[in-house]
Amino acid sequence: NELIAEVLSRAGHDPVLFERGEAALRDLRRQTFDLLLLDW
């Protein structure tokens, strides 16, 4: 997560980090994200 956040921030993006699918889906239902980077 930290490595990905560093890459995204350096490219000028605003990363929001999650470690559990349930937490990510709660936020995705409430607000708009432009992209999801998803571990399998």
PDB file of all heavy atoms in Angstrom:
ATOM      1  N   ASN A   1       0.827  -1.205   0.000  1.00  0.00           N
ATOM      2  CA  ASN A   1       0.000   0.000   0.000  1.00  0.00           C
ATOM      3  C   ASN A   1       0.863   1.258   0.000  1.00  0.00           C
ATOM      4  O   ASN A   1       0.607   2.207  -0.742  1.00  0.00           O
ATOM      5  CB  ASN A   1      -0.935   0.012   1.212  1.00  0.00           C
ATOM      6  CG  ASN A   1      -2.316  -0.523   0.881  1.00  0.00           C
ATOM      7  OD1 ASN A   1      -2.659  -0.689  -0.285  1.00  0.00           O
ATOM      8  ND2 ASN A   1      -3.116  -0.762   1.900  1.00  0.00           N
ATOM      9  N   GLU A   2       1.867   1.271   0.839  1.00  0.00           N
ATOM     10  CA  GLU A   2       2.720   2.453   0.941  1.00  0.00           C
ATOM     11  C   GLU A   2       3.519   2.686  -0.342  1.00  0.00           C
ATOM     12  O   GLU A   2       3.704   3.829  -0.786  1.00  0.00           O
ATOM     13  CB  GLU A   2       3.658   2.326   2.152  1.00  0.00           C
ATOM     14  CG  GLU A   2       2.943   2.396   3.498  1.00  0.00           C
ATOM     15  CD  GLU A   2       2.177   3.698   3.686  1.00  0.00           C
ATOM     16  OE1 GLU A   2       2.648   4.759   3.200  1.00  0.00           O
ATOM     17  OE2 GLU A   2       1.096   3.669   4.301  1.00  0.00           O
ATOM     18  N   LEU A   3       4.006   1.598  -0.940  1.00  0.00           N
ATOM     19  CA  LEU A   3       4.733   1.726  -2.196  1.00  0.00           C
ATOM     20  C   LEU A   3       3.826   2.297  -3.286  1.00  0.00           C
ATOM     21  O   LEU A   3       4.213   3.212  -4.029  1.00  0.00           O
ATOM     22  CB  LEU A   3       5.281   0.361  -2.627  1.00  0.00           C
ATOM     23  CG  LEU A   3       5.898   0.293  -4.030  1.00  0.00           C
ATOM     24  CD1 LEU A   3       7.089   1.234  -4.152  1.00  0.00           C
ATOM     25  CD2 LEU A   3       6.305  -1.149  -4.358  1.00  0.00           C
ATOM     26  N   ILE A   4       2.612   1.747  -3.388  1.00  0.00           N
ATOM     27  CA  ILE A   4       1.670   2.223  -4.397  1.00  0.00           C
ATOM     28  C   ILE A   4       1.307   3.688  -4.142  1.00  0.00           C
ATOM     29  O   ILE A   4       1.235   4.501  -5.069  1.00  0.00           O
ATOM     30  CB  ILE A   4       0.409   1.336  -4.411  1.00  0.00           C
ATOM     31  CG1 ILE A   4       0.769  -0.074  -4.893  1.00  0.00           C
ATOM     32  CG2 ILE A   4      -0.673   1.939  -5.297  1.00  0.00           C
ATOM     33  CD1 ILE A   4      -0.339  -1.087  -4.688  1.00  0.00           C
ATOM     34  N   ALA A   5       1.077   4.031  -2.868  1.00  0.00           N
ATOM     35  CA  ALA A   5       0.732   5.411  -2.524  1.00  0.00           C
ATOM     36  C   ALA A   5       1.845   6.376  -2.918  1.00  0.00           C
ATOM     37  O   ALA A   5       1.589   7.483  -3.411  1.00  0.00           O
ATOM     38  CB  ALA A   5       0.434   5.529  -1.031  1.00  0.00           C
ATOM     39  N   GLU A   6       3.085   5.952  -2.727  1.00  0.00           N
ATOM     40  CA  GLU A   6       4.224   6.796  -3.096  1.00  0.00           C
ATOM     41  C   GLU A   6       4.260   7.028  -4.615  1.00  0.00           C
ATOM     42  O   GLU A   6       4.474   8.159  -5.077  1.00  0.00           O
ATOM     43  CB  GLU A   6       5.521   6.132  -2.644  1.00  0.00           C
ATOM     44  CG  GLU A   6       6.772   6.949  -2.966  1.00  0.00           C
ATOM     45  CD  GLU A   6       8.045   6.253  -2.498  1.00  0.00           C
ATOM     46  OE1 GLU A   6       7.960   5.323  -1.683  1.00  0.00           O
ATOM     47  OE2 GLU A   6       9.132   6.650  -2.980  1.00  0.00           O
ATOM     48  N   VAL A   7       4.014   5.967  -5.385  1.00  0.00           N
ATOM     49  CA  VAL A   7       4.013   6.090  -6.845  1.00  0.00           C
ATOM     50  C   VAL A   7       2.896   7.020  -7.295  1.00  0.00           C
ATOM     51  O   VAL A   7       3.092   7.910  -8.142  1.00  0.00           O
ATOM     52  CB  VAL A   7       3.860   4.701  -7.497  1.00  0.00           C
ATOM     53  CG1 VAL A   7       3.662   4.833  -9.006  1.00  0.00           C
ATOM     54  CG2 VAL A   7       5.070   3.831  -7.197  1.00  0.00           C
ATOM     55  N   LEU A   8       1.701   6.840  -6.738  1.00  0.00           N
ATOM     56  CA  LEU A   8       0.552   7.647  -7.140  1.00  0.00           C
ATOM     57  C   LEU A   8       0.722   9.109  -6.740  1.00  0.00           C
ATOM     58  O   LEU A   8       0.407  10.019  -7.514  1.00  0.00           O
ATOM     59  CB  LEU A   8      -0.725   7.079  -6.525  1.00  0.00           C
ATOM     60  CG  LEU A   8      -1.131   5.677  -6.990  1.00  0.00           C
ATOM     61  CD1 LEU A   8      -2.366   5.208  -6.246  1.00  0.00           C
ATOM     62  CD2 LEU A   8      -1.369   5.634  -8.500  1.00  0.00           C
ATOM     63  N   SER A   9       1.206   9.336  -5.537  1.00  0.00           N
ATOM     64  CA  SER A   9       1.404  10.714  -5.071  1.00  0.00           C
ATOM     65  C   SER A   9       2.435  11.433  -5.923  1.00  0.00           C
ATOM     66  O   SER A   9       2.273  12.615  -6.256  1.00  0.00           O
ATOM     67  CB  SER A   9       1.830  10.724  -3.602  1.00  0.00           C
ATOM     68  OG  SER A   9       0.828  10.182  -2.775  1.00  0.00           O
ATOM     69  N   ARG A  10       3.499  10.739  -6.277  1.00  0.00           N
ATOM     70  CA  ARG A  10       4.535  11.336  -7.114  1.00  0.00           C
ATOM     71  C   ARG A  10       3.983  11.728  -8.487  1.00  0.00           C
ATOM     72  O   ARG A  10       4.435  12.693  -9.097  1.00  0.00           O
ATOM     73  CB  ARG A  10       5.699  10.362  -7.262  1.00  0.00           C
ATOM     74  CG  ARG A  10       6.923  10.958  -7.948  1.00  0.00           C
ATOM     75  CD  ARG A  10       8.120  10.036  -7.868  1.00  0.00           C
ATOM     76  NE  ARG A  10       7.867   8.754  -8.479  1.00  0.00           N
ATOM     77  CZ  ARG A  10       7.947   7.590  -7.839  1.00  0.00           C
ATOM     78  NH1 ARG A  10       8.268   7.553  -6.557  1.00  0.00           N
ATOM     79  NH2 ARG A  10       7.701   6.449  -8.472  1.00  0.00           N
ATOM     80  N   ALA A  11       2.963  10.982  -8.945  1.00  0.00           N
ATOM     81  CA  ALA A  11       2.345  11.274 -10.243  1.00  0.00           C
ATOM     82  C   ALA A  11       1.249  12.330 -10.127  1.00  0.00           C
ATOM     83  O   ALA A  11       0.603  12.655 -11.125  1.00  0.00           O
ATOM     84  CB  ALA A  11       1.779  10.001 -10.845  1.00  0.00           C
ATOM     85  N   GLY A  12       1.031  12.855  -8.911  1.00  0.00           N
ATOM     86  CA  GLY A  12       0.062  13.928  -8.729  1.00  0.00           C
ATOM     87  C   GLY A  12      -1.335  13.482  -8.368  1.00  0.00           C
ATOM     88  O   GLY A  12      -2.266  14.290  -8.369  1.00  0.00           O
ATOM     89  N   HIS A  13      -1.505  12.198  -8.008  1.00  0.00           N
ATOM     90  CA  HIS A  13      -2.822  11.680  -7.654  1.00  0.00           C
ATOM     91  C   HIS A  13      -3.034  11.710  -6.140  1.00  0.00           C
ATOM     92  O   HIS A  13      -2.093  11.937  -5.365  1.00  0.00           O
ATOM     93  CB  HIS A  13      -2.985  10.253  -8.174  1.00  0.00           C
ATOM     94  CG  HIS A  13      -2.832  10.138  -9.666  1.00  0.00           C
ATOM     95  ND1 HIS A  13      -3.644  10.797 -10.550  1.00  0.00           N
ATOM     96  CD2 HIS A  13      -1.922   9.453 -10.427  1.00  0.00           C
ATOM     97  CE1 HIS A  13      -3.274  10.526 -11.790  1.00  0.00           C
ATOM     98  NE2 HIS A  13      -2.220   9.714 -11.740  1.00  0.00           N
ATOM     99  N   ASP A  14      -4.276  11.463  -5.741  1.00  0.00           N
ATOM    100  CA  ASP A  14      -4.663  11.460  -4.327  1.00  0.00           C
ATOM    101  C   ASP A  14      -5.046  10.033  -3.932  1.00  0.00           C
ATOM    102  O   ASP A  14      -6.191   9.623  -4.130  1.00  0.00           O
ATOM    103  CB  ASP A  14      -5.841  12.416  -4.122  1.00  0.00           C
ATOM    104  CG  ASP A  14      -6.331  12.438  -2.676  1.00  0.00           C
ATOM    105  OD1 ASP A  14      -5.584  11.996  -1.778  1.00  0.00           O
ATOM    106  OD2 ASP A  14      -7.465  12.900  -2.441  1.00  0.00           O
ATOM    107  N   PRO A  15      -4.108   9.230  -3.394  1.00  0.00           N
ATOM    108  CA  PRO A  15      -4.429   7.849  -3.038  1.00  0.00           C
ATOM    109  C   PRO A  15      -5.132   7.752  -1.686  1.00  0.00           C
ATOM    110  O   PRO A  15      -4.794   8.462  -0.737  1.00  0.00           O
ATOM    111  CB  PRO A  15      -3.052   7.179  -2.979  1.00  0.00           C
ATOM    112  CG  PRO A  15      -2.110   8.279  -2.613  1.00  0.00           C
ATOM    113  CD  PRO A  15      -2.669   9.541  -3.203  1.00  0.00           C
ATOM    114  N   VAL A  16      -6.111   6.858  -1.600  1.00  0.00           N
ATOM    115  CA  VAL A  16      -6.801   6.542  -0.349  1.00  0.00           C
ATOM    116  C   VAL A  16      -6.617   5.044  -0.122  1.00  0.00           C
ATOM    117  O   VAL A  16      -7.012   4.230  -0.964  1.00  0.00           O
ATOM    118  CB  VAL A  16      -8.300   6.895  -0.420  1.00  0.00           C
ATOM    119  CG1 VAL A  16      -8.982   6.563   0.901  1.00  0.00           C
ATOM    120  CG2 VAL A  16      -8.486   8.380  -0.765  1.00  0.00           C
ATOM    121  N   LEU A  17      -6.002   4.674   1.010  1.00  0.00           N
ATOM    122  CA  LEU A  17      -5.560   3.299   1.223  1.00  0.00           C
ATOM    123  C   LEU A  17      -6.556   2.491   2.049  1.00  0.00           C
ATOM    124  O   LEU A  17      -7.114   2.983   3.038  1.00  0.00           O
ATOM    125  CB  LEU A  17      -4.202   3.297   1.926  1.00  0.00           C
ATOM    126  CG  LEU A  17      -3.096   4.130   1.261  1.00  0.00           C
ATOM    127  CD1 LEU A  17      -1.805   3.997   2.050  1.00  0.00           C
ATOM    128  CD2 LEU A  17      -2.895   3.736  -0.190  1.00  0.00           C
ATOM    129  N   PHE A  18      -6.746   1.228   1.628  1.00  0.00           N
ATOM    130  CA  PHE A  18      -7.589   0.280   2.358  1.00  0.00           C
ATOM    131  C   PHE A  18      -6.845  -1.048   2.457  1.00  0.00           C
ATOM    132  O   PHE A  18      -6.095  -1.411   1.542  1.00  0.00           O
ATOM    133  CB  PHE A  18      -8.920   0.049   1.638  1.00  0.00           C
ATOM    134  CG  PHE A  18      -9.744   1.285   1.434  1.00  0.00           C
ATOM    135  CD1 PHE A  18      -9.629   2.011   0.262  1.00  0.00           C
ATOM    136  CD2 PHE A  18     -10.622   1.728   2.406  1.00  0.00           C
ATOM    137  CE1 PHE A  18     -10.386   3.154   0.053  1.00  0.00           C
ATOM    138  CE2 PHE A  18     -11.381   2.862   2.222  1.00  0.00           C
ATOM    139  CZ  PHE A  18     -11.273   3.585   1.039  1.00  0.00           C
ATOM    140  N   GLU A  19      -7.092  -1.774   3.557  1.00  0.00           N
ATOM    141  CA  GLU A  19      -6.478  -3.086   3.725  1.00  0.00           C
ATOM    142  C   GLU A  19      -7.513  -4.209   3.766  1.00  0.00           C
ATOM    143  O   GLU A  19      -7.134  -5.377   3.802  1.00  0.00           O
ATOM    144  CB  GLU A  19      -5.624  -3.110   4.999  1.00  0.00           C
ATOM    145  CG  GLU A  19      -4.414  -2.182   4.914  1.00  0.00           C
ATOM    146  CD  GLU A  19      -3.526  -2.263   6.150  1.00  0.00           C
ATOM    147  OE1 GLU A  19      -3.718  -3.199   6.970  1.00  0.00           O
ATOM    148  OE2 GLU A  19      -2.635  -1.401   6.293  1.00  0.00           O
ATOM    149  N   ARG A  20      -8.809  -3.863   3.761  1.00  0.00           N
ATOM    150  CA  ARG A  20      -9.867  -4.865   3.762  1.00  0.00           C
ATOM    151  C   ARG A  20     -10.933  -4.488   2.741  1.00  0.00           C
ATOM    152  O   ARG A  20     -11.304  -3.317   2.616  1.00  0.00           O
ATOM    153  CB  ARG A  20     -10.500  -4.989   5.158  1.00  0.00           C
ATOM    154  CG  ARG A  20      -9.586  -5.624   6.206  1.00  0.00           C
ATOM    155  CD  ARG A  20      -9.335  -7.101   5.891  1.00  0.00           C
ATOM    156  NE  ARG A  20      -8.498  -7.763   6.892  1.00  0.00           N
ATOM    157  CZ  ARG A  20      -7.172  -7.807   6.844  1.00  0.00           C
ATOM    158  NH1 ARG A  20      -6.529  -7.219   5.854  1.00  0.00           N
ATOM    159  NH2 ARG A  20      -6.485  -8.433   7.781  1.00  0.00           N
ATOM    160  N   GLY A  21     -11.421  -5.513   2.039  1.00  0.00           N
ATOM    161  CA  GLY A  21     -12.413  -5.267   1.002  1.00  0.00           C
ATOM    162  C   GLY A  21     -13.688  -4.650   1.527  1.00  0.00           C
ATOM    163  O   GLY A  21     -14.298  -3.794   0.878  1.00  0.00           O
ATOM    164  N   GLU A  22     -14.126  -5.068   2.724  1.00  0.00           N
ATOM    165  CA  GLU A  22     -15.367  -4.546   3.274  1.00  0.00           C
ATOM    166  C   GLU A  22     -15.288  -3.033   3.500  1.00  0.00           C
ATOM    167  O   GLU A  22     -16.231  -2.289   3.190  1.00  0.00           O
ATOM    168  CB  GLU A  22     -15.693  -5.246   4.602  1.00  0.00           C
ATOM    169  CG  GLU A  22     -15.969  -6.743   4.485  1.00  0.00           C
ATOM    170  CD  GLU A  22     -14.705  -7.600   4.496  1.00  0.00           C
ATOM    171  OE1 GLU A  22     -13.589  -7.030   4.450  1.00  0.00           O
ATOM    172  OE2 GLU A  22     -14.834  -8.834   4.561  1.00  0.00           O
ATOM    173  N   ALA A  23     -14.150  -2.574   4.017  1.00  0.00           N
ATOM    174  CA  ALA A  23     -13.970  -1.139   4.273  1.00  0.00           C
ATOM    175  C   ALA A  23     -13.924  -0.359   2.965  1.00  0.00           C
ATOM    176  O   ALA A  23     -14.510   0.729   2.850  1.00  0.00           O
ATOM    177  CB  ALA A  23     -12.690  -0.904   5.076  1.00  0.00           C
ATOM    178  N   ALA A  24     -13.246  -0.899   1.969  1.00  0.00           N
ATOM    179  CA  ALA A  24     -13.173  -0.217   0.681  1.00  0.00           C
ATOM    180  C   ALA A  24     -14.549  -0.099   0.047  1.00  0.00           C
ATOM    181  O   ALA A  24     -14.922   0.964  -0.466  1.00  0.00           O
ATOM    182  CB  ALA A  24     -12.223  -0.964  -0.246  1.00  0.00           C
ATOM    183  N   LEU A  25     -15.326  -1.162   0.084  1.00  0.00           N
ATOM    184  CA  LEU A  25     -16.655  -1.126  -0.524  1.00  0.00           C
ATOM    185  C   LEU A  25     -17.577  -0.144   0.183  1.00  0.00           C
ATOM    186  O   LEU A  25     -18.405   0.511  -0.466  1.00  0.00           O
ATOM    187  CB  LEU A  25     -17.263  -2.529  -0.522  1.00  0.00           C
ATOM    188  CG  LEU A  25     -16.683  -3.493  -1.557  1.00  0.00           C
ATOM    189  CD1 LEU A  25     -17.144  -4.917  -1.279  1.00  0.00           C
ATOM    190  CD2 LEU A  25     -17.077  -3.063  -2.971  1.00  0.00           C
ATOM    191  N   ARG A  26     -17.441  -0.020   1.495  1.00  0.00           N
ATOM    192  CA  ARG A  26     -18.262   0.977   2.203  1.00  0.00           C
ATOM    193  C   ARG A  26     -18.006   2.368   1.659  1.00  0.00           C
ATOM    194  O   ARG A  26     -18.938   3.142   1.415  1.00  0.00           O
ATOM    195  CB  ARG A  26     -17.977   0.926   3.716  1.00  0.00           C
ATOM    196  CG  ARG A  26     -18.686  -0.171   4.460  1.00  0.00           C
ATOM    197  CD  ARG A  26     -18.687   0.079   5.956  1.00  0.00           C
ATOM    198  NE  ARG A  26     -17.335   0.125   6.509  1.00  0.00           N
ATOM    199  CZ  ARG A  26     -16.679  -0.948   6.952  1.00  0.00           C
ATOM    200  NH1 ARG A  26     -17.239  -2.141   6.898  1.00  0.00           N
ATOM    201  NH2 ARG A  26     -15.459  -0.829   7.450  1.00  0.00           N
ATOM    202  N   ASP A  27     -16.735   2.715   1.458  1.00  0.00           N
ATOM    203  CA  ASP A  27     -16.409   4.046   0.930  1.00  0.00           C
ATOM    204  C   ASP A  27     -16.794   4.178  -0.544  1.00  0.00           C
ATOM    205  O   ASP A  27     -17.241   5.239  -0.975  1.00  0.00           O
ATOM    206  CB  ASP A  27     -14.914   4.336   1.099  1.00  0.00           C
ATOM    207  CG  ASP A  27     -14.627   5.081   2.394  1.00  0.00           C
ATOM    208  OD1 ASP A  27     -15.421   4.925   3.349  1.00  0.00           O
ATOM    209  OD2 ASP A  27     -13.630   5.817   2.456  1.00  0.00           O
ATOM    210  N   LEU A  28     -16.630   3.117  -1.306  1.00  0.00           N
ATOM    211  CA  LEU A  28     -16.986   3.168  -2.728  1.00  0.00           C
ATOM    212  C   LEU A  28     -18.483   3.349  -2.931  1.00  0.00           C
ATOM    213  O   LEU A  28     -18.911   3.893  -3.956  1.00  0.00           O
ATOM    214  CB  LEU A  28     -16.512   1.893  -3.427  1.00  0.00           C
ATOM    215  CG  LEU A  28     -15.005   1.807  -3.671  1.00  0.00           C
ATOM    216  CD1 LEU A  28     -14.578   0.363  -3.901  1.00  0.00           C
ATOM    217  CD2 LEU A  28     -14.613   2.664  -4.874  1.00  0.00           C
ATOM    218  N   ARG A  29     -19.283   2.899  -1.976  1.00  0.00           N
ATOM    219  CA  ARG A  29     -20.735   3.100  -2.068  1.00  0.00           C
ATOM    220  C   ARG A  29     -21.133   4.533  -1.723  1.00  0.00           C
ATOM    221  O   ARG A  29     -22.199   4.992  -2.123  1.00  0.00           O
ATOM    222  CB  ARG A  29     -21.464   2.132  -1.125  1.00  0.00           C
ATOM    223  CG  ARG A  29     -21.367   0.667  -1.531  1.00  0.00           C
ATOM    224  CD  ARG A  29     -22.234  -0.215  -0.654  1.00  0.00           C
ATOM    225  NE  ARG A  29     -22.082  -1.613  -0.991  1.00  0.00           N
ATOM    226  CZ  ARG A  29     -21.376  -2.489  -0.277  1.00  0.00           C
ATOM    227  NH1 ARG A  29     -20.767  -2.099   0.827  1.00  0.00           N
ATOM    228  NH2 ARG A  29     -21.287  -3.749  -0.659  1.00  0.00           N
ATOM    229  N   ARG A  30     -20.278   5.233  -0.965  1.00  0.00           N
ATOM    230  CA  ARG A  30     -20.632   6.577  -0.482  1.00  0.00           C
ATOM    231  C   ARG A  30     -20.035   7.693  -1.307  1.00  0.00           C
ATOM    232  O   ARG A  30     -20.551   8.805  -1.310  1.00  0.00           O
ATOM    233  CB  ARG A  30     -20.163   6.751   0.972  1.00  0.00           C
ATOM    234  CG  ARG A  30     -20.890   5.909   1.996  1.00  0.00           C
ATOM    235  CD  ARG A  30     -20.656   6.472   3.390  1.00  0.00           C
ATOM    236  NE  ARG A  30     -19.241   6.615   3.694  1.00  0.00           N
ATOM    237  CZ  ARG A  30     -18.547   5.752   4.421  1.00  0.00           C
ATOM    238  NH1 ARG A  30     -19.133   4.676   4.898  1.00  0.00           N
ATOM    239  NH2 ARG A  30     -17.268   5.943   4.652  1.00  0.00           N
ATOM    240  N   GLN A  31     -18.923   7.428  -1.986  1.00  0.00           N
ATOM    241  CA  GLN A  31     -18.246   8.506  -2.696  1.00  0.00           C
ATOM    242  C   GLN A  31     -17.610   7.996  -3.973  1.00  0.00           C
ATOM    243  O   GLN A  31     -17.485   6.796  -4.199  1.00  0.00           O
ATOM    244  CB  GLN A  31     -17.199   9.161  -1.805  1.00  0.00           C
ATOM    245  CG  GLN A  31     -16.132   8.225  -1.280  1.00  0.00           C
ATOM    246  CD  GLN A  31     -15.137   8.947  -0.389  1.00  0.00           C
ATOM    247  OE1 GLN A  31     -14.527   9.930  -0.815  1.00  0.00           O
ATOM    248  NE2 GLN A  31     -14.983   8.484   0.832  1.00  0.00           N
ATOM    249  N   THR A  32     -17.239   8.952  -4.815  1.00  0.00           N
ATOM    250  CA  THR A  32     -16.684   8.634  -6.132  1.00  0.00           C
ATOM    251  C   THR A  32     -15.172   8.549  -6.080  1.00  0.00           C
ATOM    252  O   THR A  32     -14.508   9.419  -5.524  1.00  0.00           O
ATOM    253  CB  THR A  32     -17.080   9.725  -7.147  1.00  0.00           C
ATOM    254  OG1 THR A  32     -18.511   9.810  -7.197  1.00  0.00           O
ATOM    255  CG2 THR A  32     -16.545   9.399  -8.528  1.00  0.00           C
ATOM    256  N   PHE A  33     -14.636   7.489  -6.666  1.00  0.00           N
ATOM    257  CA  PHE A  33     -13.202   7.367  -6.910  1.00  0.00           C
ATOM    258  C   PHE A  33     -12.996   7.269  -8.415  1.00  0.00           C
ATOM    259  O   PHE A  33     -13.817   6.711  -9.134  1.00  0.00           O
ATOM    260  CB  PHE A  33     -12.626   6.131  -6.218  1.00  0.00           C
ATOM    261  CG  PHE A  33     -12.540   6.246  -4.727  1.00  0.00           C
ATOM    262  CD1 PHE A  33     -13.596   5.832  -3.923  1.00  0.00           C
ATOM    263  CD2 PHE A  33     -11.412   6.770  -4.121  1.00  0.00           C
ATOM    264  CE1 PHE A  33     -13.527   5.942  -2.542  1.00  0.00           C
ATOM    265  CE2 PHE A  33     -11.328   6.886  -2.741  1.00  0.00           C
ATOM    266  CZ  PHE A  33     -12.390   6.472  -1.947  1.00  0.00           C
ATOM    267  N   ASP A  34     -11.891   7.816  -8.890  1.00  0.00           N
ATOM    268  CA  ASP A  34     -11.601   7.783 -10.321  1.00  0.00           C
ATOM    269  C   ASP A  34     -10.989   6.466 -10.760  1.00  0.00           C
ATOM    270  O   ASP A  34     -11.029   6.124 -11.947  1.00  0.00           O
ATOM    271  CB  ASP A  34     -10.653   8.938 -10.685  1.00  0.00           C
ATOM    272  CG  ASP A  34     -11.279  10.286 -10.395  1.00  0.00           C
ATOM    273  OD1 ASP A  34     -12.339  10.573 -10.975  1.00  0.00           O
ATOM    274  OD2 ASP A  34     -10.717  11.048  -9.574  1.00  0.00           O
ATOM    275  N   LEU A  35     -10.423   5.721  -9.821  1.00  0.00           N
ATOM    276  CA  LEU A  35      -9.758   4.458 -10.148  1.00  0.00           C
ATOM    277  C   LEU A  35      -9.630   3.632  -8.881  1.00  0.00           C
ATOM    278  O   LEU A  35      -9.496   4.187  -7.783  1.00  0.00           O
ATOM    279  CB  LEU A  35      -8.368   4.735 -10.747  1.00  0.00           C
ATOM    280  CG  LEU A  35      -7.498   3.544 -11.167  1.00  0.00           C
ATOM    281  CD1 LEU A  35      -8.158   2.763 -12.294  1.00  0.00           C
ATOM    282  CD2 LEU A  35      -6.111   4.015 -11.595  1.00  0.00           C
ATOM    283  N   LEU A  36      -9.689   2.316  -9.034  1.00  0.00           N
ATOM    284  CA  LEU A  36      -9.435   1.391  -7.929  1.00  0.00           C
ATOM    285  C   LEU A  36      -8.278   0.487  -8.316  1.00  0.00           C
ATOM    286  O   LEU A  36      -8.312  -0.182  -9.351  1.00  0.00           O
ATOM    287  CB  LEU A  36     -10.675   0.540  -7.637  1.00  0.00           C
ATOM    288  CG  LEU A  36     -10.482  -0.651  -6.680  1.00  0.00           C
ATOM    289  CD1 LEU A  36     -10.039  -0.170  -5.294  1.00  0.00           C
ATOM    290  CD2 LEU A  36     -11.770  -1.479  -6.591  1.00  0.00           C
ATOM    291  N   LEU A  37      -7.222   0.491  -7.485  1.00  0.00           N
ATOM    292  CA  LEU A  37      -6.129  -0.468  -7.611  1.00  0.00           C
ATOM    293  C   LEU A  37      -6.417  -1.600  -6.637  1.00  0.00           C
ATOM    294  O   LEU A  37      -6.471  -1.379  -5.425  1.00  0.00           O
ATOM    295  CB  LEU A  37      -4.783   0.194  -7.295  1.00  0.00           C
ATOM    296  CG  LEU A  37      -4.063   0.851  -8.491  1.00  0.00           C
ATOM    297  CD1 LEU A  37      -4.927   1.921  -9.125  1.00  0.00           C
ATOM    298  CD2 LEU A  37      -2.734   1.425  -8.072  1.00  0.00           C
ATOM    299  N   LEU A  38      -6.606  -2.788  -7.159  1.00  0.00           N
ATOM    300  CA  LEU A  38      -7.179  -3.895  -6.396  1.00  0.00           C
ATOM    301  C   LEU A  38      -6.266  -5.103  -6.375  1.00  0.00           C
ATOM    302  O   LEU A  38      -5.928  -5.664  -7.431  1.00  0.00           O
ATOM    303  CB  LEU A  38      -8.534  -4.266  -7.018  1.00  0.00           C
ATOM    304  CG  LEU A  38      -9.257  -5.478  -6.451  1.00  0.00           C
ATOM    305  CD1 LEU A  38      -9.650  -5.257  -4.989  1.00  0.00           C
ATOM    306  CD2 LEU A  38     -10.501  -5.782  -7.298  1.00  0.00           C
ATOM    307  N   ASP A  39      -5.878  -5.529  -5.172  1.00  0.00           N
ATOM    308  CA  ASP A  39      -5.113  -6.766  -5.014  1.00  0.00           C
ATOM    309  C   ASP A  39      -6.063  -7.953  -5.171  1.00  0.00           C
ATOM    310  O   ASP A  39      -7.228  -7.895  -4.763  1.00  0.00           O
ATOM    311  CB  ASP A  39      -4.459  -6.777  -3.625  1.00  0.00           C
ATOM    312  CG  ASP A  39      -3.527  -7.954  -3.438  1.00  0.00           C
ATOM    313  OD1 ASP A  39      -3.002  -8.474  -4.444  1.00  0.00           O
ATOM    314  OD2 ASP A  39      -3.318  -8.365  -2.282  1.00  0.00           O
ATOM    315  N   TRP A  40      -5.567  -9.027  -5.746  1.00  0.00           N
ATOM    316  CA  TRP A  40      -6.412 -10.212  -5.953  1.00  0.00           C
ATOM    317  C   TRP A  40      -6.488 -11.047  -4.674  1.00  0.00           C
ATOM    318  O   TRP A  40      -7.565 -11.366  -4.180  1.00  0.00           O
ATOM    319  CB  TRP A  40      -5.846 -11.043  -7.098  1.00  0.00           C
ATOM    320  CG  TRP A  40      -6.665 -12.240  -7.492  1.00  0.00           C
ATOM    321  CD1 TRP A  40      -7.380 -13.064  -6.676  1.00  0.00           C
ATOM    322  CD2 TRP A  40      -6.845 -12.731  -8.821  1.00  0.00           C
ATOM    323  NE1 TRP A  40      -7.990 -14.042  -7.400  1.00  0.00           N
ATOM    324  CE2 TRP A  40      -7.690 -13.869  -8.721  1.00  0.00           C
ATOM    325  CE3 TRP A  40      -6.371 -12.340 -10.070  1.00  0.00           C
ATOM    326  CZ2 TRP A  40      -8.063 -14.609  -9.856  1.00  0.00           C
ATOM    327  CZ3 TRP A  40      -6.736 -13.082 -11.183  1.00  0.00           C
ATOM    328  CH2 TRP A  40      -7.580 -14.193 -11.068  1.00  0.00           C
TER     329      TRP A  40
END
